[in-house]
Amino acid sequence: MKITENERDAVYKTIFSRRDVRGEFSPEPIPEDVLHRVLTAAHHAPSVGFMQPWDFVLVQDDHTKGKIKAGFDIANSTSAAQFDGDRAEQYSKLKLEGILEAPLGICVTCDRNRNGPVVLGRTIKAEMDLFSSVCAVQNLWLAARAENLGVGWVSIIHDSVLRQALNIPEEIEIIAYLCVGYVSYFKDKPELETLGWQPRRDVNSAIHYGSWSKTMPTNTDKEK
């Protein structure tokens, strides 16, 4: 099946307009058919040995969200203490989650024992199942953006909090807690880029030719 030019452009538009959403969530509920499409897209991510190690725990209960938010607050205090000076001040002003505001939370997990101890493609790099589950997160994120849903990844939280709040067994790895919902607007650029926390790296500086030391010449190099 060949991709048309319009379909190709739609994929790139979705990729470039994806954002990590924290503070723009609307309480509007997500229709079941929309949610099912997004989760089906996530479920069609590539996986090592076709093991499909992911599961999706859907969180809508306010009491459960409250437990998760309390866990975030504790972890965020610990994180904030690791920054000094201007960075600490800037960090204190950032909104880094939308746990209570988003109508839906999704915890993405990885069952590393699915399909037995020996998995095709995981025999040398055992972590490939974890990478596969991250691919499911990316599929979910892009599908959500195509549905005009915002997604925010809450990484500042201890796994123990999510295990207790969501009854996740110890043998199941926690990959991500995502806040999902419609938003009032999408930012033109990532917030941390706009606020000057970190600039976007030029793609050419990330491309190496044949070995690590060989990168694409910059315009300055070409002028020499």
C-alpha atoms as a PDB file:
ATOM      1  CA  MET A   1       0.000   0.000   0.000  1.00  0.00           C
ATOM      2  CA  LYS A   2       1.617   3.215  -1.170  1.00  0.00           C
ATOM      3  CA  ILE A   3       1.348   6.366   0.965  1.00  0.00           C
ATOM      4  CA  THR A   4       0.030   9.396  -0.907  1.00  0.00           C
ATOM      5  CA  GLU A   5       1.708  12.785  -0.721  1.00  0.00           C
ATOM      6  CA  ASN A   6      -1.135  14.215   1.385  1.00  0.00           C
ATOM      7  CA  GLU A   7      -0.961  11.272   3.779  1.00  0.00           C
ATOM      8  CA  ARG A   8       2.804  11.705   4.074  1.00  0.00           C
ATOM      9  CA  ASP A   9       2.421  15.401   4.861  1.00  0.00           C
ATOM     10  CA  ALA A  10      -0.198  14.620   7.519  1.00  0.00           C
ATOM     11  CA  VAL A  11       2.220  12.274   9.286  1.00  0.00           C
ATOM     12  CA  TYR A  12       4.975  14.896   9.372  1.00  0.00           C
ATOM     13  CA  LYS A  13       2.533  17.574  10.540  1.00  0.00           C
ATOM     14  CA  THR A  14       1.479  15.331  13.421  1.00  0.00           C
ATOM     15  CA  ILE A  15       5.087  14.631  14.399  1.00  0.00           C
ATOM     16  CA  PHE A  16       6.157  18.278  14.325  1.00  0.00           C
ATOM     17  CA  SER A  17       3.053  19.550  16.179  1.00  0.00           C
ATOM     18  CA  ARG A  18       3.191  16.970  18.984  1.00  0.00           C
ATOM     19  CA  ARG A  19       3.666  18.580  22.387  1.00  0.00           C
ATOM     20  CA  ASP A  20       4.155  17.509  25.999  1.00  0.00           C
ATOM     21  CA  VAL A  21       1.000  19.024  27.506  1.00  0.00           C
ATOM     22  CA  ARG A  22       0.856  20.030  31.174  1.00  0.00           C
ATOM     23  CA  GLY A  23      -1.483  22.923  31.811  1.00  0.00           C
ATOM     24  CA  GLU A  24      -3.916  23.277  28.917  1.00  0.00           C
ATOM     25  CA  PHE A  25      -6.244  20.327  29.550  1.00  0.00           C
ATOM     26  CA  SER A  26     -10.018  20.606  29.193  1.00  0.00           C
ATOM     27  CA  PRO A  27     -12.400  18.498  31.347  1.00  0.00           C
ATOM     28  CA  GLU A  28     -14.217  17.381  28.186  1.00  0.00           C
ATOM     29  CA  PRO A  29     -14.478  13.572  28.211  1.00  0.00           C
ATOM     30  CA  ILE A  30     -12.804  11.513  25.492  1.00  0.00           C
ATOM     31  CA  PRO A  31     -15.339   9.576  23.384  1.00  0.00           C
ATOM     32  CA  GLU A  32     -14.927   5.808  23.586  1.00  0.00           C
ATOM     33  CA  ASP A  33     -14.369   5.414  19.845  1.00  0.00           C
ATOM     34  CA  VAL A  34     -11.588   8.014  19.887  1.00  0.00           C
ATOM     35  CA  LEU A  35      -9.892   6.391  22.869  1.00  0.00           C
ATOM     36  CA  HIS A  36     -10.157   2.977  21.232  1.00  0.00           C
ATOM     37  CA  ARG A  37      -8.492   4.273  18.062  1.00  0.00           C
ATOM     38  CA  VAL A  38      -5.635   5.773  20.066  1.00  0.00           C
ATOM     39  CA  LEU A  39      -5.073   2.603  22.097  1.00  0.00           C
ATOM     40  CA  THR A  40      -5.291   0.463  18.966  1.00  0.00           C
ATOM     41  CA  ALA A  41      -2.578   2.616  17.387  1.00  0.00           C
ATOM     42  CA  ALA A  42      -0.436   2.117  20.483  1.00  0.00           C
ATOM     43  CA  HIS A  43      -1.075  -1.630  20.318  1.00  0.00           C
ATOM     44  CA  HIS A  44       0.236  -1.671  16.737  1.00  0.00           C
ATOM     45  CA  ALA A  45       3.697  -0.475  17.738  1.00  0.00           C
ATOM     46  CA  PRO A  46       6.656  -2.621  16.671  1.00  0.00           C
ATOM     47  CA  SER A  47       7.751  -5.122  19.320  1.00  0.00           C
ATOM     48  CA  VAL A  48      10.737  -7.419  19.640  1.00  0.00           C
ATOM     49  CA  GLY A  49       9.813 -10.993  18.737  1.00  0.00           C
ATOM     50  CA  PHE A  50       6.244  -9.701  18.292  1.00  0.00           C
ATOM     51  CA  MET A  51       5.875 -10.172  22.058  1.00  0.00           C
ATOM     52  CA  GLN A  52       3.595  -7.119  22.506  1.00  0.00           C
ATOM     53  CA  PRO A  53       4.688  -6.668  26.137  1.00  0.00           C
ATOM     54  CA  TRP A  54       2.583  -3.610  26.929  1.00  0.00           C
ATOM     55  CA  ASP A  55      -0.641  -3.095  28.861  1.00  0.00           C
ATOM     56  CA  PHE A  56      -2.604   0.107  29.411  1.00  0.00           C
ATOM     57  CA  VAL A  57      -4.130   0.975  32.799  1.00  0.00           C
ATOM     58  CA  LEU A  58      -6.807   3.648  32.356  1.00  0.00           C
ATOM     59  CA  VAL A  59      -7.247   6.069  35.263  1.00  0.00           C
ATOM     60  CA  GLN A  60     -10.370   8.222  35.533  1.00  0.00           C
ATOM     61  CA  ASP A  61     -11.185   8.095  39.254  1.00  0.00           C
ATOM     62  CA  ASP A  62     -10.416  11.359  41.053  1.00  0.00           C
ATOM     63  CA  HIS A  63      -9.371   9.589  44.255  1.00  0.00           C
ATOM     64  CA  THR A  64      -6.775   7.534  42.403  1.00  0.00           C
ATOM     65  CA  LYS A  65      -5.545  10.616  40.558  1.00  0.00           C
ATOM     66  CA  GLY A  66      -5.179  12.324  43.941  1.00  0.00           C
ATOM     67  CA  LYS A  67      -2.850   9.579  45.158  1.00  0.00           C
ATOM     68  CA  ILE A  68      -0.746   9.902  42.035  1.00  0.00           C
ATOM     69  CA  LYS A  69      -0.638  13.697  42.322  1.00  0.00           C
ATOM     70  CA  ALA A  70       0.522  13.432  45.938  1.00  0.00           C
ATOM     71  CA  GLY A  71       3.308  11.122  44.787  1.00  0.00           C
ATOM     72  CA  PHE A  72       4.308  13.589  42.111  1.00  0.00           C
ATOM     73  CA  ASP A  73       4.453  16.449  44.640  1.00  0.00           C
ATOM     74  CA  ILE A  74       6.876  14.500  46.835  1.00  0.00           C
ATOM     75  CA  ALA A  75       9.088  13.502  43.915  1.00  0.00           C
ATOM     76  CA  ASN A  76       8.996  17.032  42.499  1.00  0.00           C
ATOM     77  CA  SER A  77      10.266  18.498  45.767  1.00  0.00           C
ATOM     78  CA  THR A  78      13.194  16.092  45.653  1.00  0.00           C
ATOM     79  CA  SER A  79      13.858  16.998  42.022  1.00  0.00           C
ATOM     80  CA  ALA A  80      13.649  20.758  42.617  1.00  0.00           C
ATOM     81  CA  ALA A  81      16.343  20.534  45.302  1.00  0.00           C
ATOM     82  CA  GLN A  82      18.825  19.293  42.701  1.00  0.00           C
ATOM     83  CA  PHE A  83      18.851  22.603  40.817  1.00  0.00           C
ATOM     84  CA  ASP A  84      20.703  25.750  41.890  1.00  0.00           C
ATOM     85  CA  GLY A  85      20.474  29.477  41.221  1.00  0.00           C
ATOM     86  CA  ASP A  86      18.526  30.654  38.191  1.00  0.00           C
ATOM     87  CA  ARG A  87      17.737  27.071  37.193  1.00  0.00           C
ATOM     88  CA  ALA A  88      16.094  26.453  40.584  1.00  0.00           C
ATOM     89  CA  GLU A  89      14.019  29.606  40.276  1.00  0.00           C
ATOM     90  CA  GLN A  90      12.972  28.760  36.737  1.00  0.00           C
ATOM     91  CA  TYR A  91      12.163  25.175  37.739  1.00  0.00           C
ATOM     92  CA  SER A  92       9.880  26.374  40.534  1.00  0.00           C
ATOM     93  CA  LYS A  93       7.736  28.244  37.987  1.00  0.00           C
ATOM     94  CA  LEU A  94       7.266  25.298  35.623  1.00  0.00           C
ATOM     95  CA  LYS A  95       4.050  23.288  35.558  1.00  0.00           C
ATOM     96  CA  LEU A  96       5.264  19.744  35.008  1.00  0.00           C
ATOM     97  CA  GLU A  97       2.065  17.667  35.077  1.00  0.00           C
ATOM     98  CA  GLY A  98      -1.683  17.733  34.497  1.00  0.00           C
ATOM     99  CA  ILE A  99      -2.641  14.757  36.648  1.00  0.00           C
ATOM    100  CA  LEU A 100      -5.802  16.247  38.140  1.00  0.00           C
ATOM    101  CA  GLU A 101      -6.760  18.422  35.164  1.00  0.00           C
ATOM    102  CA  ALA A 102      -6.615  15.741  32.471  1.00  0.00           C
ATOM    103  CA  PRO A 103      -9.797  13.645  32.219  1.00  0.00           C
ATOM    104  CA  LEU A 104      -7.748  10.482  31.672  1.00  0.00           C
ATOM    105  CA  GLY A 105      -4.510   9.006  32.900  1.00  0.00           C
ATOM    106  CA  ILE A 106      -2.900   6.059  31.127  1.00  0.00           C
ATOM    107  CA  CYS A 107      -0.187   3.991  32.761  1.00  0.00           C
ATOM    108  CA  VAL A 108       1.788   2.030  30.162  1.00  0.00           C
ATOM    109  CA  THR A 109       3.498  -1.096  31.466  1.00  0.00           C
ATOM    110  CA  CYS A 110       5.786  -3.846  30.176  1.00  0.00           C
ATOM    111  CA  ASP A 111       5.448  -7.544  31.015  1.00  0.00           C
ATOM    112  CA  ARG A 112       9.015  -8.774  30.493  1.00  0.00           C
ATOM    113  CA  ASN A 113       7.969 -12.402  30.976  1.00  0.00           C
ATOM    114  CA  ARG A 114       5.345 -12.411  28.252  1.00  0.00           C
ATOM    115  CA  ASN A 115       5.897 -15.304  25.822  1.00  0.00           C
ATOM    116  CA  GLY A 116       8.512 -16.976  28.029  1.00  0.00           C
ATOM    117  CA  PRO A 117      12.145 -16.336  28.977  1.00  0.00           C
ATOM    118  CA  VAL A 118      13.607 -16.632  25.450  1.00  0.00           C
ATOM    119  CA  VAL A 119      12.290 -14.072  22.950  1.00  0.00           C
ATOM    120  CA  LEU A 120      13.417 -13.726  19.353  1.00  0.00           C
ATOM    121  CA  GLY A 121      15.472 -10.543  19.043  1.00  0.00           C
ATOM    122  CA  ARG A 122      15.945 -10.155  22.815  1.00  0.00           C
ATOM    123  CA  THR A 123      18.582 -12.841  23.188  1.00  0.00           C
ATOM    124  CA  ILE A 124      21.466 -10.318  23.183  1.00  0.00           C
ATOM    125  CA  LYS A 125      19.842  -6.976  24.053  1.00  0.00           C
ATOM    126  CA  ALA A 126      17.503  -7.932  26.875  1.00  0.00           C
ATOM    127  CA  GLU A 127      16.103  -4.405  27.124  1.00  0.00           C
ATOM    128  CA  MET A 128      14.472  -4.542  23.690  1.00  0.00           C
ATOM    129  CA  ASP A 129      11.084  -5.288  25.278  1.00  0.00           C
ATOM    130  CA  LEU A 130      11.324  -2.031  27.229  1.00  0.00           C
ATOM    131  CA  PHE A 131      12.175  -0.162  24.032  1.00  0.00           C
ATOM    132  CA  SER A 132       9.183  -1.809  22.342  1.00  0.00           C
ATOM    133  CA  SER A 133       6.891  -0.481  25.063  1.00  0.00           C
ATOM    134  CA  VAL A 134       8.302   3.012  24.569  1.00  0.00           C
ATOM    135  CA  CYS A 135       7.422   2.656  20.876  1.00  0.00           C
ATOM    136  CA  ALA A 136       3.838   2.001  22.000  1.00  0.00           C
ATOM    137  CA  VAL A 137       3.944   5.260  23.974  1.00  0.00           C
ATOM    138  CA  GLN A 138       5.105   7.142  20.891  1.00  0.00           C
ATOM    139  CA  ASN A 139       2.380   5.581  18.742  1.00  0.00           C
ATOM    140  CA  LEU A 140      -0.191   6.569  21.376  1.00  0.00           C
ATOM    141  CA  TRP A 141       1.168  10.112  21.539  1.00  0.00           C
ATOM    142  CA  LEU A 142       1.085  10.662  17.785  1.00  0.00           C
ATOM    143  CA  ALA A 143      -2.349   9.068  17.372  1.00  0.00           C
ATOM    144  CA  ALA A 144      -3.653  11.263  20.193  1.00  0.00           C
ATOM    145  CA  ARG A 145      -2.265  14.372  18.474  1.00  0.00           C
ATOM    146  CA  ALA A 146      -3.965  13.317  15.228  1.00  0.00           C
ATOM    147  CA  GLU A 147      -7.221  13.190  17.258  1.00  0.00           C
ATOM    148  CA  ASN A 148      -6.465  16.679  18.684  1.00  0.00           C
ATOM    149  CA  LEU A 149      -5.829  15.178  22.117  1.00  0.00           C
ATOM    150  CA  GLY A 150      -2.978  16.409  24.274  1.00  0.00           C
ATOM    151  CA  VAL A 151      -0.623  14.057  26.096  1.00  0.00           C
ATOM    152  CA  GLY A 152       1.756  14.786  28.955  1.00  0.00           C
ATOM    153  CA  TRP A 153       4.329  12.266  30.214  1.00  0.00           C
ATOM    154  CA  VAL A 154       4.735  12.428  34.015  1.00  0.00           C
ATOM    155  CA  SER A 155       8.268  11.205  34.635  1.00  0.00           C
ATOM    156  CA  ILE A 156       8.746  12.845  38.043  1.00  0.00           C
ATOM    157  CA  ILE A 157       7.141  10.114  40.116  1.00  0.00           C
ATOM    158  CA  HIS A 158       8.342   6.968  41.849  1.00  0.00           C
ATOM    159  CA  ASP A 159       7.195   3.623  40.468  1.00  0.00           C
ATOM    160  CA  SER A 160       6.172   2.571  43.979  1.00  0.00           C
ATOM    161  CA  VAL A 161       3.465   5.257  43.984  1.00  0.00           C
ATOM    162  CA  LEU A 162       1.950   3.967  40.740  1.00  0.00           C
ATOM    163  CA  ARG A 163       2.222   0.345  41.880  1.00  0.00           C
ATOM    164  CA  GLN A 164       0.297   1.095  45.064  1.00  0.00           C
ATOM    165  CA  ALA A 165      -2.307   3.349  43.448  1.00  0.00           C
ATOM    166  CA  LEU A 166      -2.961   1.060  40.467  1.00  0.00           C
ATOM    167  CA  ASN A 167      -2.254  -2.382  41.994  1.00  0.00           C
ATOM    168  CA  ILE A 168       0.522  -3.120  39.513  1.00  0.00           C
ATOM    169  CA  PRO A 169       2.449  -6.323  40.366  1.00  0.00           C
ATOM    170  CA  GLU A 170       6.153  -6.069  41.183  1.00  0.00           C
ATOM    171  CA  GLU A 171       7.131  -8.207  38.176  1.00  0.00           C
ATOM    172  CA  ILE A 172       5.520  -5.717  35.763  1.00  0.00           C
ATOM    173  CA  GLU A 173       7.719  -2.812  34.653  1.00  0.00           C
ATOM    174  CA  ILE A 174       6.217   0.676  34.638  1.00  0.00           C
ATOM    175  CA  ILE A 175       7.096   2.569  31.456  1.00  0.00           C
ATOM    176  CA  ALA A 176       5.034   5.768  31.569  1.00  0.00           C
ATOM    177  CA  TYR A 177       2.207   7.610  33.252  1.00  0.00           C
ATOM    178  CA  LEU A 178       0.466   9.778  30.669  1.00  0.00           C
ATOM    179  CA  CYS A 179      -2.089  12.562  31.136  1.00  0.00           C
ATOM    180  CA  VAL A 180      -4.501  12.582  28.193  1.00  0.00           C
ATOM    181  CA  GLY A 181      -7.315  14.902  27.156  1.00  0.00           C
ATOM    182  CA  TYR A 182      -8.548  17.646  24.880  1.00  0.00           C
ATOM    183  CA  VAL A 183      -6.761  20.958  25.315  1.00  0.00           C
ATOM    184  CA  SER A 184      -7.567  24.625  24.942  1.00  0.00           C
ATOM    185  CA  TYR A 185      -4.666  25.016  22.501  1.00  0.00           C
ATOM    186  CA  PHE A 186      -1.357  23.473  21.441  1.00  0.00           C
ATOM    187  CA  LYS A 187       1.812  25.509  21.826  1.00  0.00           C
ATOM    188  CA  ASP A 188       3.722  26.405  18.654  1.00  0.00           C
ATOM    189  CA  LYS A 189       6.976  25.138  20.172  1.00  0.00           C
ATOM    190  CA  PRO A 190       7.879  22.890  23.113  1.00  0.00           C
ATOM    191  CA  GLU A 191       7.507  24.912  26.309  1.00  0.00           C
ATOM    192  CA  LEU A 192      11.064  24.302  27.520  1.00  0.00           C
ATOM    193  CA  GLU A 193      12.404  25.532  24.193  1.00  0.00           C
ATOM    194  CA  THR A 194      10.247  28.671  24.328  1.00  0.00           C
ATOM    195  CA  LEU A 195      11.284  29.413  27.933  1.00  0.00           C
ATOM    196  CA  GLY A 196      14.960  29.043  27.095  1.00  0.00           C
ATOM    197  CA  TRP A 197      15.531  26.001  29.302  1.00  0.00           C
ATOM    198  CA  GLN A 198      17.232  24.228  26.418  1.00  0.00           C
ATOM    199  CA  PRO A 199      17.549  25.073  22.699  1.00  0.00           C
ATOM    200  CA  ARG A 200      16.655  22.559  20.000  1.00  0.00           C
ATOM    201  CA  ARG A 201      19.750  20.836  18.720  1.00  0.00           C
ATOM    202  CA  ASP A 202      20.419  21.127  15.000  1.00  0.00           C
ATOM    203  CA  VAL A 203      19.628  17.788  13.360  1.00  0.00           C
ATOM    204  CA  ASN A 204      22.919  17.849  11.428  1.00  0.00           C
ATOM    205  CA  SER A 205      24.879  17.731  14.688  1.00  0.00           C
ATOM    206  CA  ALA A 206      23.168  14.420  15.504  1.00  0.00           C
ATOM    207  CA  ILE A 207      24.040  12.724  12.207  1.00  0.00           C
ATOM    208  CA  HIS A 208      27.314  10.797  11.922  1.00  0.00           C
ATOM    209  CA  TYR A 209      28.751   9.293   8.735  1.00  0.00           C
ATOM    210  CA  GLY A 210      30.504   5.953   8.984  1.00  0.00           C
ATOM    211  CA  SER A 211      31.868   6.591  12.484  1.00  0.00           C
ATOM    212  CA  TRP A 212      31.038   8.637  15.581  1.00  0.00           C
ATOM    213  CA  SER A 213      33.560  11.380  14.759  1.00  0.00           C
ATOM    214  CA  LYS A 214      32.308  12.088  11.253  1.00  0.00           C
ATOM    215  CA  THR A 215      29.440  14.586  11.178  1.00  0.00           C
ATOM    216  CA  MET A 216      27.923  16.727   8.461  1.00  0.00           C
ATOM    217  CA  PRO A 217      30.000  19.872   7.771  1.00  0.00           C
ATOM    218  CA  THR A 218      28.400  23.061   9.042  1.00  0.00           C
ATOM    219  CA  ASN A 219      28.012  26.139   6.843  1.00  0.00           C
ATOM    220  CA  THR A 220      31.026  27.651   8.621  1.00  0.00           C
ATOM    221  CA  ASP A 221      33.116  24.596   7.815  1.00  0.00           C
ATOM    222  CA  LYS A 222      32.083  24.773   4.175  1.00  0.00           C
ATOM    223  CA  GLU A 223      33.178  28.413   3.937  1.00  0.00           C
ATOM    224  CA  LYS A 224      36.700  27.637   5.141  1.00  0.00           C
END
